[in-house]
Amino acid sequence: MKTTLSLLFAAAFSLSSMPAHATKLDLATMSCKQFLESGDDTIKMVLTWMDGWYKGDEDNAIFDTDVFVENAKKFGTYCGKNPNVSIVTAADEVLGK
C-alpha cells in the first residue's frame, strides 16, 4: 500500500508539468536513443516509472533523491553508450536485481 501511494505521488508530481494532450508510450519498444531524444517531460516520467518498477513490492514510502539521481545518471550514461538497446534492457542492466 505504501509503495502504491508513493508511486502515485511521484507520478502525479512528474506529470503535473506535462502538456494536456495524452500520449501512449510503449516502453518495451523504446530505444535508448528515442529515450534520450524524447524531451525533458518524457525523460522525467520514464525515470520516475523505472524508479518505482525496480523498487518492486518493497513496503516503504521512501523516495531517496540521491539514489534517484545517481540511478538516472547511470542509466543516461548506459543509454548514451548503447543507443540501439531498448530502455527495458538498459534498465535491467543498470538497475536490475
N, C-alpha and C. Protein backbone atom coordinates (compact mmCIF):
# COMPACT_ATOMS: atom_id res chain seq x y z
N MET A 1 0.83 -1.19 0.00
CA MET A 1 0.00 0.00 0.00
C MET A 1 0.87 1.25 0.00
N LYS A 2 1.90 1.27 0.84
CA LYS A 2 2.77 2.44 0.91
C LYS A 2 3.49 2.65 -0.41
N THR A 3 3.92 1.56 -1.04
CA THR A 3 4.60 1.66 -2.33
C THR A 3 3.66 2.24 -3.37
N THR A 4 2.43 1.81 -3.39
CA THR A 4 1.46 2.32 -4.34
C THR A 4 1.24 3.80 -4.13
N LEU A 5 1.11 4.21 -2.90
CA LEU A 5 0.91 5.62 -2.59
C LEU A 5 2.11 6.45 -3.03
N SER A 6 3.31 5.97 -2.77
CA SER A 6 4.49 6.73 -3.17
C SER A 6 4.62 6.80 -4.68
N LEU A 7 4.25 5.72 -5.39
CA LEU A 7 4.30 5.73 -6.85
C LEU A 7 3.28 6.71 -7.42
N LEU A 8 2.09 6.72 -6.85
CA LEU A 8 1.07 7.66 -7.32
C LEU A 8 1.51 9.10 -7.08
N PHE A 9 2.09 9.36 -5.95
CA PHE A 9 2.57 10.71 -5.64
C PHE A 9 3.67 11.11 -6.62
N ALA A 10 4.63 10.23 -6.86
CA ALA A 10 5.72 10.53 -7.79
C ALA A 10 5.20 10.75 -9.20
N ALA A 11 4.27 9.92 -9.61
CA ALA A 11 3.70 10.06 -10.96
C ALA A 11 2.93 11.38 -11.08
N ALA A 12 2.13 11.69 -10.08
CA ALA A 12 1.37 12.94 -10.11
C ALA A 12 2.30 14.14 -10.14
N PHE A 13 3.36 14.07 -9.37
CA PHE A 13 4.33 15.16 -9.34
C PHE A 13 5.00 15.34 -10.68
N SER A 14 5.45 14.24 -11.28
CA SER A 14 6.18 14.35 -12.54
C SER A 14 5.24 14.69 -13.70
N LEU A 15 3.99 14.27 -13.62
CA LEU A 15 3.05 14.54 -14.70
C LEU A 15 2.41 15.91 -14.62
N SER A 16 2.52 16.57 -13.47
CA SER A 16 1.87 17.86 -13.30
C SER A 16 2.42 18.92 -14.24
N SER A 17 3.64 18.73 -14.72
CA SER A 17 4.22 19.71 -15.63
C SER A 17 4.08 19.30 -17.09
N MET A 18 3.41 18.17 -17.34
CA MET A 18 3.27 17.68 -18.70
C MET A 18 2.15 18.41 -19.43
N PRO A 19 2.25 18.49 -20.74
CA PRO A 19 1.19 19.10 -21.53
C PRO A 19 -0.12 18.35 -21.36
N ALA A 20 -1.22 18.99 -21.70
CA ALA A 20 -2.55 18.42 -21.50
C ALA A 20 -2.88 17.29 -22.47
N HIS A 21 -2.19 17.17 -23.58
CA HIS A 21 -2.52 16.11 -24.54
C HIS A 21 -1.98 14.76 -24.07
N ALA A 22 -2.75 13.74 -24.37
CA ALA A 22 -2.38 12.39 -23.93
C ALA A 22 -1.42 11.75 -24.93
N THR A 23 -0.51 10.95 -24.40
CA THR A 23 0.44 10.23 -25.22
C THR A 23 0.57 8.84 -24.66
N LYS A 24 0.67 7.86 -25.55
CA LYS A 24 0.93 6.49 -25.12
C LYS A 24 2.37 6.17 -25.46
N LEU A 25 3.08 5.65 -24.49
CA LEU A 25 4.47 5.26 -24.70
C LEU A 25 4.58 3.76 -24.51
N ASP A 26 5.16 3.08 -25.47
CA ASP A 26 5.43 1.65 -25.33
C ASP A 26 6.88 1.53 -24.87
N LEU A 27 7.06 1.45 -23.56
CA LEU A 27 8.41 1.44 -23.01
C LEU A 27 9.16 0.17 -23.38
N ALA A 28 8.44 -0.88 -23.72
CA ALA A 28 9.09 -2.14 -24.11
C ALA A 28 9.80 -2.02 -25.45
N THR A 29 9.38 -1.08 -26.28
CA THR A 29 10.00 -0.94 -27.60
C THR A 29 10.82 0.34 -27.75
N MET A 30 10.79 1.21 -26.75
CA MET A 30 11.54 2.47 -26.83
C MET A 30 13.04 2.19 -26.72
N SER A 31 13.81 2.72 -27.67
CA SER A 31 15.26 2.57 -27.62
C SER A 31 15.88 3.65 -26.75
N CYS A 32 17.10 3.43 -26.35
CA CYS A 32 17.82 4.44 -25.58
C CYS A 32 17.91 5.75 -26.36
N LYS A 33 18.14 5.65 -27.66
CA LYS A 33 18.23 6.85 -28.50
C LYS A 33 16.90 7.62 -28.46
N GLN A 34 15.80 6.91 -28.61
CA GLN A 34 14.48 7.56 -28.55
C GLN A 34 14.26 8.19 -27.18
N PHE A 35 14.65 7.48 -26.14
CA PHE A 35 14.51 8.00 -24.78
C PHE A 35 15.30 9.30 -24.62
N LEU A 36 16.56 9.29 -25.03
CA LEU A 36 17.40 10.47 -24.86
C LEU A 36 16.94 11.65 -25.69
N GLU A 37 16.23 11.38 -26.77
CA GLU A 37 15.73 12.45 -27.64
C GLU A 37 14.27 12.82 -27.36
N SER A 38 13.67 12.22 -26.35
CA SER A 38 12.24 12.37 -26.12
C SER A 38 11.82 13.66 -25.42
N GLY A 39 12.74 14.40 -24.90
CA GLY A 39 12.41 15.64 -24.20
C GLY A 39 12.36 15.47 -22.70
N ASP A 40 12.52 16.57 -22.00
CA ASP A 40 12.61 16.55 -20.54
C ASP A 40 11.40 15.92 -19.85
N ASP A 41 10.20 16.26 -20.30
CA ASP A 41 9.00 15.73 -19.63
C ASP A 41 8.93 14.22 -19.72
N THR A 42 9.18 13.67 -20.91
CA THR A 42 9.13 12.22 -21.07
C THR A 42 10.26 11.55 -20.31
N ILE A 43 11.43 12.13 -20.35
CA ILE A 43 12.57 11.57 -19.61
C ILE A 43 12.25 11.50 -18.12
N LYS A 44 11.71 12.57 -17.56
CA LYS A 44 11.35 12.58 -16.14
C LYS A 44 10.32 11.51 -15.82
N MET A 45 9.31 11.40 -16.69
CA MET A 45 8.25 10.43 -16.46
C MET A 45 8.80 9.01 -16.50
N VAL A 46 9.63 8.70 -17.49
CA VAL A 46 10.18 7.35 -17.63
C VAL A 46 11.10 7.03 -16.45
N LEU A 47 11.93 7.98 -16.04
CA LEU A 47 12.82 7.75 -14.90
C LEU A 47 12.03 7.50 -13.62
N THR A 48 10.93 8.22 -13.44
CA THR A 48 10.09 8.01 -12.26
C THR A 48 9.45 6.63 -12.31
N TRP A 49 8.97 6.23 -13.50
CA TRP A 49 8.41 4.89 -13.66
C TRP A 49 9.44 3.82 -13.31
N MET A 50 10.66 3.99 -13.85
CA MET A 50 11.71 3.00 -13.60
C MET A 50 12.04 2.90 -12.12
N ASP A 51 12.08 4.04 -11.45
CA ASP A 51 12.39 4.03 -10.02
C ASP A 51 11.37 3.17 -9.27
N GLY A 52 10.11 3.36 -9.56
CA GLY A 52 9.08 2.55 -8.90
C GLY A 52 9.11 1.10 -9.32
N TRP A 53 9.32 0.85 -10.59
CA TRP A 53 9.34 -0.52 -11.12
C TRP A 53 10.44 -1.34 -10.46
N TYR A 54 11.63 -0.77 -10.34
CA TYR A 54 12.75 -1.52 -9.80
C TYR A 54 12.79 -1.56 -8.28
N LYS A 55 11.96 -0.78 -7.64
CA LYS A 55 11.82 -0.93 -6.19
C LYS A 55 10.92 -2.13 -5.90
N GLY A 56 10.09 -2.47 -6.87
CA GLY A 56 9.24 -3.64 -6.74
C GLY A 56 8.20 -3.49 -5.66
N ASP A 57 8.02 -4.54 -4.90
CA ASP A 57 6.97 -4.57 -3.88
C ASP A 57 7.48 -4.22 -2.49
N GLU A 58 8.60 -3.52 -2.43
CA GLU A 58 9.08 -3.09 -1.11
C GLU A 58 7.98 -2.28 -0.45
N ASP A 59 7.75 -2.54 0.81
CA ASP A 59 6.66 -1.88 1.51
C ASP A 59 7.16 -0.66 2.28
N ASN A 60 7.64 0.32 1.53
CA ASN A 60 8.03 1.57 2.17
C ASN A 60 7.72 2.73 1.23
N ALA A 61 7.58 3.87 1.79
CA ALA A 61 7.23 5.06 1.01
C ALA A 61 8.39 6.05 1.00
N ILE A 62 9.58 5.52 0.82
CA ILE A 62 10.77 6.38 0.84
C ILE A 62 11.20 6.68 -0.59
N PHE A 63 11.35 7.95 -0.87
CA PHE A 63 11.87 8.40 -2.17
C PHE A 63 13.19 9.09 -1.87
N ASP A 64 14.28 8.40 -2.13
CA ASP A 64 15.62 8.92 -1.87
C ASP A 64 16.12 9.63 -3.11
N THR A 65 16.13 10.95 -3.08
CA THR A 65 16.50 11.72 -4.26
C THR A 65 17.95 11.50 -4.67
N ASP A 66 18.82 11.25 -3.71
CA ASP A 66 20.23 10.99 -4.05
C ASP A 66 20.35 9.70 -4.86
N VAL A 67 19.66 8.66 -4.43
CA VAL A 67 19.68 7.38 -5.15
C VAL A 67 19.01 7.54 -6.52
N PHE A 68 17.90 8.27 -6.56
CA PHE A 68 17.20 8.50 -7.82
C PHE A 68 18.11 9.19 -8.84
N VAL A 69 18.78 10.24 -8.42
CA VAL A 69 19.67 10.99 -9.32
C VAL A 69 20.86 10.13 -9.75
N GLU A 70 21.43 9.38 -8.82
CA GLU A 70 22.56 8.51 -9.15
C GLU A 70 22.15 7.45 -10.17
N ASN A 71 20.99 6.83 -9.96
CA ASN A 71 20.50 5.83 -10.91
C ASN A 71 20.19 6.46 -12.27
N ALA A 72 19.63 7.66 -12.27
CA ALA A 72 19.33 8.36 -13.53
C ALA A 72 20.62 8.64 -14.30
N LYS A 73 21.67 9.03 -13.59
CA LYS A 73 22.97 9.28 -14.25
C LYS A 73 23.53 8.00 -14.84
N LYS A 74 23.47 6.91 -14.08
CA LYS A 74 23.96 5.62 -14.58
C LYS A 74 23.18 5.19 -15.83
N PHE A 75 21.86 5.36 -15.76
CA PHE A 75 21.00 4.97 -16.87
C PHE A 75 21.31 5.83 -18.10
N GLY A 76 21.45 7.14 -17.92
CA GLY A 76 21.76 8.03 -19.03
C GLY A 76 23.10 7.72 -19.66
N THR A 77 24.09 7.41 -18.84
CA THR A 77 25.41 7.04 -19.34
C THR A 77 25.34 5.75 -20.15
N TYR A 78 24.64 4.76 -19.62
CA TYR A 78 24.49 3.49 -20.33
C TYR A 78 23.79 3.70 -21.66
N CYS A 79 22.69 4.46 -21.65
CA CYS A 79 21.95 4.70 -22.88
C CYS A 79 22.77 5.50 -23.89
N GLY A 80 23.56 6.43 -23.41
CA GLY A 80 24.42 7.20 -24.31
C GLY A 80 25.42 6.32 -25.04
N LYS A 81 25.89 5.28 -24.37
CA LYS A 81 26.86 4.37 -24.96
C LYS A 81 26.20 3.25 -25.76
N ASN A 82 24.90 3.04 -25.56
CA ASN A 82 24.17 1.94 -26.19
C ASN A 82 22.84 2.44 -26.77
N PRO A 83 22.87 3.32 -27.77
CA PRO A 83 21.65 3.96 -28.26
C PRO A 83 20.62 3.02 -28.88
N ASN A 84 21.04 1.87 -29.36
CA ASN A 84 20.10 0.96 -30.02
C ASN A 84 19.47 -0.06 -29.08
N VAL A 85 19.88 -0.07 -27.84
CA VAL A 85 19.34 -1.00 -26.84
C VAL A 85 17.99 -0.47 -26.36
N SER A 86 17.05 -1.35 -26.06
CA SER A 86 15.77 -0.90 -25.51
C SER A 86 15.98 -0.37 -24.09
N ILE A 87 15.10 0.54 -23.68
CA ILE A 87 15.27 1.09 -22.33
C ILE A 87 14.98 0.04 -21.26
N VAL A 88 14.17 -0.95 -21.58
CA VAL A 88 13.91 -2.03 -20.63
C VAL A 88 15.18 -2.85 -20.42
N THR A 89 15.88 -3.16 -21.50
CA THR A 89 17.15 -3.89 -21.40
C THR A 89 18.16 -3.04 -20.64
N ALA A 90 18.22 -1.75 -20.96
CA ALA A 90 19.15 -0.85 -20.28
C ALA A 90 18.86 -0.78 -18.79
N ALA A 91 17.58 -0.69 -18.44
CA ALA A 91 17.20 -0.64 -17.03
C ALA A 91 17.58 -1.93 -16.31
N ASP A 92 17.37 -3.07 -16.98
CA ASP A 92 17.76 -4.34 -16.39
C ASP A 92 19.27 -4.39 -16.14
N GLU A 93 20.04 -3.89 -17.08
CA GLU A 93 21.49 -3.87 -16.94
C GLU A 93 21.95 -2.94 -15.82
N VAL A 94 21.34 -1.78 -15.73
CA VAL A 94 21.78 -0.76 -14.78
C VAL A 94 21.13 -0.94 -13.40
N LEU A 95 19.84 -1.24 -13.38
CA LEU A 95 19.09 -1.25 -12.12
C LEU A 95 18.62 -2.63 -11.70
N GLY A 96 18.74 -3.60 -12.58
CA GLY A 96 18.23 -4.95 -12.29
C GLY A 96 18.82 -5.52 -11.03
N LYS A 97 18.05 -6.41 -10.45
CA LYS A 97 18.47 -7.02 -9.18
C LYS A 97 19.13 -8.34 -9.41
